[in-house]
Amino acid sequence: MTTAGQGTDSGATAIDHAPVHAPAVPAPGGTARLAGREVGRIGFGAMQLEHRGADRSAALAILRQAVGAGVNHIDTAQFYDGCNDLIREALSPYPDDLVLVSKVGAERDGRGKLVPAQRPEQLRAQVEVNLATLGVEQLGLVNLRRLDAVPGIVAEGDQLVDLDDQLAELTALRDAGKIGGLGLSSVAAGQLGQARPAGIACVQNLYSVIDRTAEPVLDQCREQGIAWVPFFPLGSAFPNRPRVTDHPAVVVVAREVGATPAQVGLAWLLSHYDRTLLIPGTSDPAHLAENIAAGAVRLPPASVAALDRLALSDER
């Protein structure tokens, strides 16, 4: 079976995409388990490579830079317009240890607009198209993106689908060997409890040092040993929402430990739960190096305690 470590591409010349897999380097931030695989705790989120226009070579280069620096967990989705194609061109044939994680639950309509795609048959179709565009026979893990509440698009009408029906479809795909593991994204604690019999490998929710609305979900992950993959770990990309790097307390800690505010925000997340996996995204080589270096930042107990006291809800 072809997984991320065994690409199916053939016929392309070395000049076409020539991925260069450097000798093994230490995993950024140490390692943790994800769907039965050992991955570095700092991965890479491909979403920011979406709609990057004509500078395709820069997007390919940032993906290769990430893998060359020890990243072996890449988060993507077919509805991140063009990102799967970039990953395949940059990295196939894939390194043996690379875990490709995709997401289903939305798709692009004929005008390129992101719309819900929550029905079981749509989830199956999305898995199949992710397999095809990435050029693999198995996805390391697939996250089901629920669309029950903002931020982002919200399901309505025939897109309001029972979670159990969705899990049944994805479990069947896992049993067929097309998915290595099953995850959830943007779920409440009750939904995680409902999904537990399906065998959930990870949860992706909005979470950062200044927004811990999802703490009850994280508590369940701790209890069950489930990997926790916070998205928007440095604050929301949506307008009028605060960013971690602008918070005065984070800036103070960064100055004290000789790191950047972004590195402090990421290091706090790594210290908060030992099965936290980070997937910060960027299209900038310097920012990528900064994010990866966050894995080496060690926060003193006093700094951790100061950051522990922060939460967005406390500032409202």
Protein backbone atom coordinates (compact mmCIF):
# COMPACT_ATOMS: atom_id res chain seq x y z
CA MET A 1 0.00 0.00 0.00
CA THR A 2 1.29 3.45 -0.91
CA THR A 3 1.39 5.87 2.01
CA ALA A 4 3.08 9.25 2.38
CA GLY A 5 6.46 7.56 2.40
CA GLN A 6 5.83 5.82 -0.91
CA GLY A 7 4.66 8.21 -3.62
CA THR A 8 3.04 6.94 -6.79
CA ASP A 9 4.48 9.59 -9.12
CA SER A 10 6.24 8.25 -12.16
CA GLY A 11 7.56 9.77 -15.34
CA ALA A 12 8.57 13.14 -13.86
CA THR A 13 12.18 14.12 -14.35
CA ALA A 14 14.47 15.09 -11.52
CA ILE A 15 14.40 18.66 -12.80
CA ASP A 16 10.61 18.77 -12.52
CA HIS A 17 10.39 18.63 -8.75
CA ALA A 18 13.48 16.89 -7.38
CA PRO A 19 12.69 16.64 -3.67
CA VAL A 20 15.89 16.43 -1.70
CA HIS A 21 15.47 14.54 1.54
CA ALA A 22 18.26 15.54 3.89
CA PRO A 23 19.77 13.19 6.45
CA ALA A 24 17.66 12.78 9.57
CA VAL A 25 17.68 15.77 11.91
CA PRO A 26 16.19 16.00 15.41
CA ALA A 27 12.42 16.28 15.44
CA PRO A 28 11.41 19.88 16.19
CA GLY A 29 10.04 20.10 19.73
CA GLY A 30 10.59 16.40 20.41
CA THR A 31 8.11 13.75 19.36
CA ALA A 32 4.61 12.48 20.14
CA ARG A 33 2.31 9.84 18.68
CA LEU A 34 -0.25 10.61 15.98
CA ALA A 35 -2.43 7.79 14.66
CA GLY A 36 0.20 5.26 15.61
CA ARG A 37 3.09 7.20 14.04
CA GLU A 38 5.88 9.11 15.76
CA VAL A 39 5.97 12.73 14.59
CA GLY A 40 7.79 15.88 15.54
CA ARG A 41 5.74 18.08 17.82
CA ILE A 42 6.17 21.02 15.47
CA GLY A 43 4.71 20.31 12.05
CA PHE A 44 3.62 22.53 9.20
CA GLY A 45 0.18 23.79 8.20
CA ALA A 46 -0.14 24.25 4.45
CA MET A 47 -3.18 26.55 4.48
CA GLN A 48 -1.14 29.74 4.18
CA LEU A 49 0.26 28.52 0.88
CA GLU A 50 -3.25 28.77 -0.55
CA HIS A 51 -3.72 31.54 -3.13
CA ARG A 52 -0.07 32.51 -3.15
CA GLY A 53 -0.31 33.54 -6.78
CA ALA A 54 2.52 33.21 -9.23
CA ASP A 55 5.30 32.57 -6.72
CA ARG A 56 4.90 28.81 -6.91
CA SER A 57 8.64 28.23 -6.56
CA ALA A 58 8.63 29.95 -3.16
CA ALA A 59 5.81 27.70 -1.95
CA LEU A 60 7.69 24.59 -3.10
CA ALA A 61 10.82 25.86 -1.40
CA ILE A 62 9.10 26.45 1.95
CA LEU A 63 7.72 22.89 1.95
CA ARG A 64 11.17 21.48 1.24
CA GLN A 65 12.68 23.73 3.90
CA ALA A 66 10.21 22.39 6.46
CA VAL A 67 10.94 18.74 5.72
CA GLY A 68 14.68 19.46 5.60
CA ALA A 69 14.42 20.93 9.10
CA GLY A 70 12.88 17.74 10.50
CA VAL A 71 9.16 18.39 10.02
CA ASN A 72 7.35 15.12 9.32
CA HIS A 73 3.72 16.13 9.91
CA ILE A 74 2.06 18.28 7.25
CA ASP A 75 -1.55 19.39 7.58
CA THR A 76 -3.45 20.07 4.38
CA ALA A 77 -6.85 19.79 2.71
CA GLN A 78 -8.15 19.60 -0.83
CA PHE A 79 -10.20 22.74 -0.15
CA TYR A 80 -6.97 24.61 0.64
CA ASP A 81 -6.93 25.53 -3.01
CA GLY A 82 -3.89 23.98 -4.71
CA CYS A 83 -1.99 23.01 -1.57
CA ASN A 84 -2.12 19.27 -2.22
CA ASP A 85 -0.63 19.81 -5.67
CA LEU A 86 2.18 21.86 -4.15
CA ILE A 87 2.92 19.20 -1.55
CA ARG A 88 3.07 16.47 -4.17
CA GLU A 89 5.30 18.49 -6.48
CA ALA A 90 7.64 19.56 -3.69
CA LEU A 91 7.99 16.33 -1.75
CA SER A 92 6.99 13.26 -3.78
CA PRO A 93 8.35 10.63 -3.58
CA TYR A 94 7.64 11.27 0.08
CA PRO A 95 10.02 10.54 2.97
CA ASP A 96 9.16 7.31 4.78
CA ASP A 97 8.41 9.10 8.04
CA LEU A 98 6.19 11.85 6.60
CA VAL A 99 2.60 11.87 7.88
CA LEU A 100 0.18 13.69 5.60
CA VAL A 101 -2.96 14.81 7.42
CA SER A 102 -5.97 16.09 5.53
CA LYS A 103 -9.34 17.52 6.43
CA VAL A 104 -12.85 16.93 5.07
CA GLY A 105 -16.19 18.64 5.61
CA ALA A 106 -16.01 21.51 3.12
CA GLU A 107 -15.30 22.02 -0.57
CA ARG A 108 -15.04 24.73 -3.21
CA ASP A 109 -18.08 25.43 -5.38
CA GLY A 110 -17.90 26.35 -9.06
CA ARG A 111 -17.00 29.94 -8.18
CA GLY A 112 -14.22 28.94 -5.80
CA LYS A 113 -16.26 29.77 -2.70
CA LEU A 114 -15.83 27.54 0.35
CA VAL A 115 -19.10 25.74 1.12
CA PRO A 116 -20.12 22.97 3.55
CA ALA A 117 -19.76 19.36 2.38
CA GLN A 118 -20.84 17.40 5.45
CA ARG A 119 -22.91 14.56 4.02
CA PRO A 120 -21.33 11.08 4.26
CA GLU A 121 -21.08 10.62 0.50
CA GLN A 122 -19.36 14.01 0.25
CA LEU A 123 -16.87 13.02 2.94
CA ARG A 124 -16.02 9.85 1.02
CA ALA A 125 -15.59 11.81 -2.21
CA GLN A 126 -13.27 14.28 -0.46
CA VAL A 127 -11.09 11.47 0.88
CA GLU A 128 -10.81 10.03 -2.61
CA VAL A 129 -9.83 13.34 -4.19
CA ASN A 130 -7.24 13.98 -1.45
CA LEU A 131 -5.72 10.57 -2.17
CA ALA A 132 -5.58 11.36 -5.86
CA THR A 133 -4.12 14.86 -5.64
CA LEU A 134 -1.51 13.88 -3.05
CA GLY A 135 -0.64 10.74 -4.99
CA VAL A 136 -0.99 8.24 -2.14
CA GLU A 137 -3.13 5.21 -1.40
CA GLN A 138 -3.55 6.06 2.29
CA LEU A 139 -3.84 9.35 4.17
CA GLY A 140 -2.01 9.27 7.49
CA LEU A 141 -5.01 10.84 9.22
CA VAL A 142 -8.21 12.60 8.18
CA ASN A 143 -9.86 15.23 10.34
CA LEU A 144 -13.61 15.72 10.14
CA ARG A 145 -14.22 19.47 10.22
CA ARG A 146 -17.60 20.03 11.88
CA LEU A 147 -19.39 23.23 10.88
CA ASP A 148 -21.66 23.78 13.84
CA ALA A 149 -20.59 27.30 14.82
CA VAL A 150 -18.43 30.25 13.83
CA PRO A 151 -15.67 31.14 13.13
CA GLY A 152 -15.86 30.07 9.53
CA ILE A 153 -18.76 28.75 7.47
CA VAL A 154 -21.71 27.12 9.24
CA ALA A 155 -23.73 24.14 8.00
CA GLU A 156 -27.46 24.48 7.42
CA GLY A 157 -30.25 22.65 5.59
CA ASP A 158 -29.21 19.25 4.27
CA GLN A 159 -25.68 19.91 5.50
CA LEU A 160 -26.81 19.45 9.11
CA VAL A 161 -25.65 15.85 9.45
CA ASP A 162 -25.56 13.60 12.51
CA LEU A 163 -22.03 13.04 13.77
CA ASP A 164 -22.56 9.28 14.07
CA ASP A 165 -23.44 9.03 10.37
CA GLN A 166 -20.28 10.89 9.43
CA LEU A 167 -18.12 8.75 11.69
CA ALA A 168 -19.60 5.56 10.24
CA GLU A 169 -18.53 6.62 6.74
CA LEU A 170 -15.03 7.62 7.81
CA THR A 171 -14.57 4.52 9.94
CA ALA A 172 -15.44 2.41 6.89
CA LEU A 173 -12.75 4.24 4.93
CA ARG A 174 -10.28 3.62 7.74
CA ASP A 175 -11.20 -0.07 7.79
CA ALA A 176 -10.62 -0.15 4.03
CA GLY A 177 -7.10 1.19 4.54
CA LYS A 178 -7.64 4.56 2.90
CA ILE A 179 -7.26 6.45 6.19
CA GLY A 180 -4.64 5.67 8.82
CA GLY A 181 -6.39 7.51 11.64
CA LEU A 182 -9.49 9.57 12.31
CA GLY A 183 -9.58 13.01 13.91
CA LEU A 184 -12.10 15.73 14.69
CA SER A 185 -11.91 19.47 14.15
CA SER A 186 -13.95 22.27 15.73
CA VAL A 187 -15.90 20.07 18.12
CA ALA A 188 -17.36 20.50 21.59
CA ALA A 189 -16.60 18.26 24.54
CA GLY A 190 -19.91 16.45 24.16
CA GLN A 191 -19.17 15.64 20.53
CA LEU A 192 -15.76 14.24 21.42
CA GLY A 193 -17.42 12.03 24.01
CA GLN A 194 -19.97 10.90 21.42
CA ALA A 195 -17.19 10.04 18.96
CA ARG A 196 -15.01 8.17 21.42
CA PRO A 197 -16.16 4.65 20.36
CA ALA A 198 -14.92 5.40 16.83
CA GLY A 199 -11.34 5.66 18.08
CA ILE A 200 -10.32 9.31 17.73
CA ALA A 201 -6.60 9.93 17.19
CA CYS A 202 -6.53 13.72 17.43
CA VAL A 203 -8.61 16.86 17.86
CA GLN A 204 -8.02 20.16 16.07
CA ASN A 205 -9.69 23.13 17.75
CA LEU A 206 -9.07 26.85 17.92
CA TYR A 207 -6.88 27.35 20.98
CA SER A 208 -4.03 29.55 22.15
CA VAL A 209 -2.57 31.01 25.32
CA ILE A 210 -5.09 33.88 25.09
CA ASP A 211 -8.13 31.90 23.93
CA ARG A 212 -8.85 28.77 25.93
CA THR A 213 -12.52 28.39 25.15
CA ALA A 214 -11.78 24.81 24.11
CA GLU A 215 -10.19 23.84 27.45
CA PRO A 216 -12.97 21.29 28.25
CA VAL A 217 -12.17 19.50 25.00
CA LEU A 218 -8.45 19.53 25.83
CA ASP A 219 -9.26 18.08 29.26
CA GLN A 220 -10.93 15.12 27.55
CA CYS A 221 -7.94 14.67 25.26
CA ARG A 222 -5.69 14.51 28.31
CA GLU A 223 -7.90 11.92 29.96
CA GLN A 224 -8.01 9.75 26.83
CA GLY A 225 -4.44 10.28 25.57
CA ILE A 226 -5.64 11.93 22.36
CA ALA A 227 -3.30 14.20 20.40
CA TRP A 228 -4.23 17.90 20.58
CA VAL A 229 -3.57 20.02 17.49
CA PRO A 230 -4.56 23.65 18.14
CA PHE A 231 -5.21 25.78 15.08
CA PHE A 232 -4.59 29.52 15.09
CA PRO A 233 -2.03 28.89 17.87
CA LEU A 234 -0.89 32.51 17.70
CA GLY A 235 -4.38 34.00 17.62
CA SER A 236 -7.11 34.07 15.06
CA ALA A 237 -6.63 34.99 11.44
CA PHE A 238 -10.16 36.40 11.46
CA PRO A 239 -10.55 40.20 11.70
CA ASN A 240 -10.97 42.00 15.02
CA ARG A 241 -9.63 39.13 17.12
CA PRO A 242 -6.46 39.55 19.24
CA ARG A 243 -3.14 37.98 18.44
CA VAL A 244 -0.84 36.25 20.90
CA THR A 245 2.19 38.17 19.68
CA ASP A 246 0.58 41.50 20.62
CA HIS A 247 -0.24 40.58 24.22
CA PRO A 248 1.92 42.59 26.67
CA ALA A 249 2.50 39.62 28.99
CA VAL A 250 3.73 37.49 26.11
CA VAL A 251 6.05 40.26 24.95
CA VAL A 252 7.49 40.57 28.47
CA VAL A 253 8.16 36.84 28.74
CA ALA A 254 9.76 36.84 25.29
CA ARG A 255 12.14 39.58 26.37
CA GLU A 256 13.00 37.71 29.57
CA VAL A 257 13.80 34.38 27.87
CA GLY A 258 15.45 35.80 24.76
CA ALA A 259 12.83 34.53 22.31
CA THR A 260 10.26 36.10 20.03
CA PRO A 261 6.63 36.50 21.15
CA ALA A 262 5.58 33.93 18.54
CA GLN A 263 8.06 31.41 19.95
CA VAL A 264 6.75 32.02 23.47
CA GLY A 265 3.17 31.41 22.35
CA LEU A 266 4.16 28.14 20.70
CA ALA A 267 6.43 27.03 23.55
CA TRP A 268 3.61 27.55 26.06
CA LEU A 269 1.35 25.28 24.04
CA LEU A 270 4.02 22.57 23.96
CA SER A 271 4.44 22.83 27.74
CA HIS A 272 0.70 22.72 28.42
CA TYR A 273 0.14 19.09 27.31
CA ASP A 274 2.75 16.56 26.24
CA ARG A 275 0.65 15.32 23.31
CA THR A 276 0.19 18.76 21.80
CA LEU A 277 1.25 18.91 18.14
CA LEU A 278 1.65 22.28 16.46
CA ILE A 279 1.05 23.04 12.79
CA PRO A 280 1.91 26.74 12.41
CA GLY A 281 1.78 27.81 8.81
CA THR A 282 3.73 30.45 6.95
CA SER A 283 4.90 31.31 3.46
CA ASP A 284 7.99 33.09 4.77
CA PRO A 285 11.28 31.16 5.21
CA ALA A 286 12.39 33.25 8.19
CA HIS A 287 9.08 32.72 9.98
CA LEU A 288 9.32 28.98 9.33
CA ALA A 289 12.77 28.88 10.92
CA GLU A 290 11.43 30.90 13.86
CA ASN A 291 8.52 28.52 14.35
CA ILE A 292 10.73 25.43 14.23
CA ALA A 293 13.19 26.99 16.69
CA ALA A 294 10.31 27.42 19.16
CA GLY A 295 10.71 23.73 19.90
CA ALA A 296 13.97 24.51 21.70
CA VAL A 297 12.54 27.33 23.85
CA ARG A 298 12.25 26.38 27.51
CA LEU A 299 10.01 28.56 29.63
CA PRO A 300 10.93 28.97 33.33
CA PRO A 301 8.21 27.97 35.81
CA ALA A 302 7.51 31.61 36.65
CA SER A 303 6.95 32.42 32.98
CA VAL A 304 4.66 29.43 32.53
CA ALA A 305 2.67 30.49 35.59
CA ALA A 306 2.31 34.04 34.25
CA LEU A 307 1.10 32.75 30.90
CA ASP A 308 -1.21 30.23 32.53
CA ARG A 309 -3.13 33.13 34.03
CA LEU A 310 -3.91 34.61 30.62
CA ALA A 311 -7.14 33.89 28.82
CA LEU A 312 -9.17 35.90 26.37
CA SER A 313 -12.30 35.57 28.48
CA ASP A 314 -10.53 37.20 31.44
CA GLU A 315 -9.85 40.35 29.41
CA ARG A 316 -13.37 41.00 28.20
